[in-house]
Amino acid sequence: MMPDAAQNPCQSCGACCFYSANWPRFTVEDDSALDLIPVRYVNDRQSGMRCDGDRCSALTGDVGIATSCAIYAVRPEVCRTCLPGDVECNMARRRHGLPAI
């Protein structure tokens, strides 16, 4: 489970998880790590997360208000490396009309 929103601004954002269907891709994960992700969240090509438009299927809640990841403990590496306030984070936040952090 993610830390509370006071410790982690991601829980009141979620913009990076609703940015691009190409963003939540699998990169350096080995098969054993990928096997932990429930198949309903994996795209048909098995190259990344299944998305509804640009929204990752594992994202729950409302962007900019309250969000969480249904598979946080086993999320792909690309999700782990996007950090609050980094270039990717702020790019996604801008797309959703949220201020940079």
N, C-alpha and C. Protein backbone atom coordinates (compact mmCIF):
# COMPACT_ATOMS: atom_id res chain seq x y z
N MET A 1 0.82 -1.17 0.00
CA MET A 1 0.00 0.00 0.00
C MET A 1 0.87 1.25 0.00
N MET A 2 0.42 2.31 -0.66
CA MET A 2 1.18 3.55 -0.72
C MET A 2 1.09 4.28 0.62
N PRO A 3 2.14 5.08 0.95
CA PRO A 3 2.05 5.92 2.14
C PRO A 3 0.91 6.92 1.97
N ASP A 4 0.48 7.56 3.09
CA ASP A 4 -0.61 8.51 2.97
C ASP A 4 -0.20 9.74 2.16
N ALA A 5 -1.19 10.51 1.71
CA ALA A 5 -0.95 11.63 0.80
C ALA A 5 -0.06 12.70 1.41
N ALA A 6 -0.02 12.83 2.73
CA ALA A 6 0.86 13.80 3.36
C ALA A 6 2.32 13.44 3.12
N GLN A 7 2.62 12.16 3.00
CA GLN A 7 3.97 11.69 2.75
C GLN A 7 4.24 11.52 1.26
N ASN A 8 3.22 11.31 0.45
CA ASN A 8 3.40 11.02 -0.95
C ASN A 8 2.34 11.76 -1.77
N PRO A 9 2.74 12.81 -2.51
CA PRO A 9 1.77 13.58 -3.29
C PRO A 9 1.12 12.78 -4.41
N CYS A 10 1.63 11.62 -4.72
CA CYS A 10 1.06 10.80 -5.79
C CYS A 10 -0.39 10.41 -5.49
N GLN A 11 -0.73 10.27 -4.23
CA GLN A 11 -2.08 9.85 -3.88
C GLN A 11 -3.12 10.94 -4.09
N SER A 12 -2.67 12.15 -4.36
CA SER A 12 -3.62 13.20 -4.72
C SER A 12 -3.36 13.67 -6.15
N CYS A 13 -2.67 12.85 -6.93
CA CYS A 13 -2.33 13.24 -8.30
C CYS A 13 -2.75 12.15 -9.29
N GLY A 14 -1.86 11.21 -9.58
CA GLY A 14 -2.14 10.14 -10.52
C GLY A 14 -1.96 10.53 -11.99
N ALA A 15 -1.46 11.74 -12.26
CA ALA A 15 -1.34 12.22 -13.63
C ALA A 15 -0.44 11.33 -14.49
N CYS A 16 0.64 10.82 -13.93
CA CYS A 16 1.56 9.99 -14.72
C CYS A 16 0.89 8.68 -15.15
N CYS A 17 -0.11 8.24 -14.41
CA CYS A 17 -0.83 7.01 -14.74
C CYS A 17 -1.96 7.24 -15.74
N PHE A 18 -2.14 8.49 -16.13
CA PHE A 18 -3.19 8.86 -17.08
C PHE A 18 -2.58 9.84 -18.08
N TYR A 19 -1.43 9.43 -18.62
CA TYR A 19 -0.68 10.30 -19.52
C TYR A 19 -0.61 9.75 -20.94
N SER A 20 -0.28 8.47 -21.07
CA SER A 20 -0.08 7.88 -22.38
C SER A 20 -0.19 6.37 -22.28
N ALA A 21 -0.84 5.76 -23.26
CA ALA A 21 -0.93 4.30 -23.29
C ALA A 21 0.44 3.67 -23.50
N ASN A 22 1.41 4.45 -23.98
CA ASN A 22 2.76 3.93 -24.20
C ASN A 22 3.66 4.07 -22.97
N TRP A 23 3.25 4.85 -21.99
CA TRP A 23 4.09 5.09 -20.83
C TRP A 23 4.24 3.86 -19.93
N PRO A 24 3.16 3.21 -19.53
CA PRO A 24 3.34 2.11 -18.58
C PRO A 24 3.79 0.82 -19.27
N ARG A 25 4.99 0.88 -19.83
CA ARG A 25 5.54 -0.26 -20.58
C ARG A 25 6.48 -1.08 -19.68
N PHE A 26 6.67 -2.29 -20.09
CA PHE A 26 7.61 -3.15 -19.38
C PHE A 26 8.99 -2.95 -20.01
N THR A 27 10.00 -2.84 -19.17
CA THR A 27 11.34 -2.57 -19.68
C THR A 27 12.36 -3.57 -19.14
N VAL A 28 12.71 -3.46 -17.89
CA VAL A 28 13.77 -4.29 -17.33
C VAL A 28 13.26 -5.41 -16.42
N GLU A 29 11.95 -5.54 -16.31
CA GLU A 29 11.39 -6.57 -15.43
C GLU A 29 11.72 -7.96 -15.96
N ASP A 30 12.00 -8.87 -15.04
CA ASP A 30 12.17 -10.25 -15.48
C ASP A 30 10.82 -10.96 -15.43
N ASP A 31 10.76 -12.14 -16.00
CA ASP A 31 9.49 -12.87 -16.09
C ASP A 31 8.85 -13.10 -14.73
N SER A 32 9.65 -13.35 -13.71
CA SER A 32 9.07 -13.60 -12.38
C SER A 32 8.38 -12.35 -11.84
N ALA A 33 8.92 -11.17 -12.12
CA ALA A 33 8.28 -9.92 -11.68
C ALA A 33 7.00 -9.69 -12.47
N LEU A 34 7.04 -9.93 -13.77
CA LEU A 34 5.86 -9.73 -14.61
C LEU A 34 4.74 -10.70 -14.26
N ASP A 35 5.11 -11.90 -13.83
CA ASP A 35 4.11 -12.90 -13.46
C ASP A 35 3.29 -12.46 -12.24
N LEU A 36 3.78 -11.52 -11.47
CA LEU A 36 3.07 -11.03 -10.28
C LEU A 36 1.95 -10.05 -10.65
N ILE A 37 2.00 -9.48 -11.85
CA ILE A 37 0.99 -8.53 -12.29
C ILE A 37 -0.22 -9.30 -12.81
N PRO A 38 -1.39 -9.10 -12.22
CA PRO A 38 -2.58 -9.81 -12.70
C PRO A 38 -2.80 -9.58 -14.20
N VAL A 39 -3.11 -10.62 -14.93
CA VAL A 39 -3.23 -10.57 -16.38
C VAL A 39 -4.26 -9.54 -16.86
N ARG A 40 -5.26 -9.26 -16.06
CA ARG A 40 -6.28 -8.28 -16.48
C ARG A 40 -5.71 -6.88 -16.63
N TYR A 41 -4.53 -6.63 -16.05
CA TYR A 41 -3.89 -5.32 -16.17
C TYR A 41 -2.82 -5.25 -17.26
N VAL A 42 -2.56 -6.36 -17.93
CA VAL A 42 -1.50 -6.42 -18.94
C VAL A 42 -2.11 -6.29 -20.33
N ASN A 43 -1.46 -5.48 -21.20
CA ASN A 43 -2.01 -5.29 -22.54
C ASN A 43 -1.91 -6.56 -23.38
N ASP A 44 -2.61 -6.58 -24.50
CA ASP A 44 -2.67 -7.76 -25.36
C ASP A 44 -1.31 -8.16 -25.92
N ARG A 45 -0.42 -7.19 -26.14
CA ARG A 45 0.93 -7.47 -26.65
C ARG A 45 1.87 -7.95 -25.55
N GLN A 46 1.41 -7.87 -24.30
CA GLN A 46 2.21 -8.21 -23.12
C GLN A 46 3.48 -7.37 -23.05
N SER A 47 3.37 -6.12 -23.53
CA SER A 47 4.51 -5.22 -23.53
C SER A 47 4.39 -4.13 -22.47
N GLY A 48 3.25 -4.09 -21.80
CA GLY A 48 3.04 -3.07 -20.79
C GLY A 48 1.66 -3.21 -20.17
N MET A 49 1.30 -2.19 -19.45
CA MET A 49 0.01 -2.20 -18.77
C MET A 49 -1.12 -1.94 -19.75
N ARG A 50 -2.26 -2.57 -19.51
CA ARG A 50 -3.47 -2.32 -20.30
C ARG A 50 -3.95 -0.91 -19.96
N CYS A 51 -4.33 -0.17 -20.97
CA CYS A 51 -4.82 1.19 -20.75
C CYS A 51 -6.19 1.35 -21.39
N ASP A 52 -6.98 2.20 -20.77
CA ASP A 52 -8.26 2.62 -21.32
C ASP A 52 -8.01 4.02 -21.85
N GLY A 53 -7.77 4.14 -23.17
CA GLY A 53 -7.29 5.40 -23.72
C GLY A 53 -5.88 5.61 -23.20
N ASP A 54 -5.65 6.72 -22.52
CA ASP A 54 -4.34 7.00 -21.94
C ASP A 54 -4.26 6.65 -20.45
N ARG A 55 -5.32 6.11 -19.90
CA ARG A 55 -5.37 5.81 -18.47
C ARG A 55 -4.99 4.35 -18.21
N CYS A 56 -4.00 4.16 -17.35
CA CYS A 56 -3.60 2.81 -16.95
C CYS A 56 -4.76 2.15 -16.24
N SER A 57 -5.01 0.90 -16.56
CA SER A 57 -6.14 0.17 -15.98
C SER A 57 -5.98 -0.07 -14.48
N ALA A 58 -4.77 0.04 -13.96
CA ALA A 58 -4.55 -0.16 -12.53
C ALA A 58 -4.77 1.10 -11.71
N LEU A 59 -4.96 2.25 -12.38
CA LEU A 59 -5.20 3.51 -11.67
C LEU A 59 -6.64 3.54 -11.17
N THR A 60 -6.80 3.82 -9.89
CA THR A 60 -8.12 3.99 -9.32
C THR A 60 -8.26 5.42 -8.80
N GLY A 61 -9.46 5.93 -8.77
CA GLY A 61 -9.71 7.25 -8.25
C GLY A 61 -9.74 8.32 -9.32
N ASP A 62 -9.69 9.58 -8.88
CA ASP A 62 -9.80 10.73 -9.75
C ASP A 62 -8.49 11.51 -9.75
N VAL A 63 -7.92 11.71 -10.95
CA VAL A 63 -6.66 12.44 -11.10
C VAL A 63 -6.80 13.84 -10.51
N GLY A 64 -5.80 14.22 -9.75
CA GLY A 64 -5.77 15.54 -9.12
C GLY A 64 -6.56 15.63 -7.84
N ILE A 65 -7.24 14.55 -7.47
CA ILE A 65 -8.06 14.56 -6.24
C ILE A 65 -7.58 13.47 -5.29
N ALA A 66 -7.80 12.22 -5.66
CA ALA A 66 -7.38 11.09 -4.84
C ALA A 66 -7.22 9.88 -5.74
N THR A 67 -6.04 9.29 -5.76
CA THR A 67 -5.76 8.15 -6.62
C THR A 67 -4.95 7.10 -5.88
N SER A 68 -4.94 5.91 -6.45
CA SER A 68 -4.05 4.85 -5.97
C SER A 68 -3.84 3.87 -7.11
N CYS A 69 -2.89 2.99 -6.90
CA CYS A 69 -2.56 1.97 -7.89
C CYS A 69 -3.01 0.62 -7.36
N ALA A 70 -3.80 -0.08 -8.15
CA ALA A 70 -4.33 -1.38 -7.74
C ALA A 70 -3.24 -2.43 -7.61
N ILE A 71 -2.07 -2.18 -8.23
CA ILE A 71 -0.97 -3.16 -8.18
C ILE A 71 0.31 -2.51 -7.68
N TYR A 72 0.19 -1.54 -6.80
CA TYR A 72 1.34 -0.74 -6.36
C TYR A 72 2.55 -1.59 -5.99
N ALA A 73 2.37 -2.64 -5.24
CA ALA A 73 3.50 -3.45 -4.77
C ALA A 73 4.23 -4.17 -5.90
N VAL A 74 3.55 -4.41 -7.03
CA VAL A 74 4.17 -5.13 -8.14
C VAL A 74 4.19 -4.31 -9.43
N ARG A 75 4.04 -2.98 -9.32
CA ARG A 75 3.99 -2.10 -10.50
C ARG A 75 5.28 -2.21 -11.31
N PRO A 76 5.20 -1.90 -12.61
CA PRO A 76 6.39 -1.97 -13.47
C PRO A 76 7.47 -0.97 -13.07
N GLU A 77 8.67 -1.24 -13.51
CA GLU A 77 9.82 -0.39 -13.19
C GLU A 77 9.61 1.05 -13.63
N VAL A 78 9.01 1.28 -14.82
CA VAL A 78 8.79 2.65 -15.29
C VAL A 78 7.93 3.43 -14.30
N CYS A 79 7.03 2.76 -13.62
CA CYS A 79 6.19 3.41 -12.61
C CYS A 79 7.00 3.72 -11.35
N ARG A 80 7.94 2.87 -11.04
CA ARG A 80 8.77 3.06 -9.85
C ARG A 80 9.76 4.22 -10.02
N THR A 81 10.16 4.47 -11.26
CA THR A 81 11.19 5.49 -11.49
C THR A 81 10.62 6.88 -11.70
N CYS A 82 9.33 7.02 -11.94
CA CYS A 82 8.70 8.34 -12.04
C CYS A 82 8.48 8.83 -10.62
N LEU A 83 9.19 9.89 -10.26
CA LEU A 83 9.16 10.38 -8.89
C LEU A 83 8.49 11.74 -8.79
N PRO A 84 7.86 12.03 -7.65
CA PRO A 84 7.20 13.32 -7.49
C PRO A 84 8.15 14.48 -7.79
N GLY A 85 7.73 15.35 -8.71
CA GLY A 85 8.50 16.53 -9.04
C GLY A 85 9.54 16.35 -10.13
N ASP A 86 9.75 15.11 -10.62
CA ASP A 86 10.74 14.96 -11.69
C ASP A 86 10.15 15.41 -13.03
N VAL A 87 10.95 15.39 -14.08
CA VAL A 87 10.53 15.89 -15.39
C VAL A 87 9.26 15.19 -15.88
N GLU A 88 9.24 13.86 -15.79
CA GLU A 88 8.08 13.10 -16.25
C GLU A 88 6.84 13.41 -15.44
N CYS A 89 7.01 13.52 -14.14
CA CYS A 89 5.89 13.85 -13.25
C CYS A 89 5.28 15.20 -13.65
N ASN A 90 6.12 16.20 -13.75
CA ASN A 90 5.61 17.53 -14.04
C ASN A 90 5.05 17.66 -15.45
N MET A 91 5.58 16.89 -16.39
CA MET A 91 5.03 16.87 -17.74
C MET A 91 3.60 16.32 -17.70
N ALA A 92 3.40 15.23 -16.97
CA ALA A 92 2.07 14.63 -16.85
C ALA A 92 1.13 15.56 -16.08
N ARG A 93 1.62 16.20 -15.05
CA ARG A 93 0.79 17.12 -14.27
C ARG A 93 0.32 18.28 -15.15
N ARG A 94 1.23 18.82 -15.98
CA ARG A 94 0.85 19.92 -16.88
C ARG A 94 -0.28 19.50 -17.80
N ARG A 95 -0.21 18.28 -18.33
CA ARG A 95 -1.25 17.79 -19.25
C ARG A 95 -2.62 17.79 -18.60
N HIS A 96 -2.66 17.60 -17.29
CA HIS A 96 -3.92 17.56 -16.56
C HIS A 96 -4.25 18.89 -15.89
N GLY A 97 -3.47 19.91 -16.20
CA GLY A 97 -3.75 21.24 -15.63
C GLY A 97 -3.36 21.37 -14.18
N LEU A 98 -2.49 20.51 -13.70
CA LEU A 98 -2.04 20.55 -12.31
C LEU A 98 -0.73 21.31 -12.22
N PRO A 99 -0.49 22.03 -11.14
CA PRO A 99 0.77 22.78 -11.00
C PRO A 99 1.96 21.84 -10.81
N ALA A 100 3.12 22.30 -11.20
CA ALA A 100 4.36 21.54 -10.98
C ALA A 100 4.62 21.40 -9.49
N ILE A 101 5.30 20.33 -9.13
CA ILE A 101 5.72 20.15 -7.71
C ILE A 101 7.22 20.03 -7.64
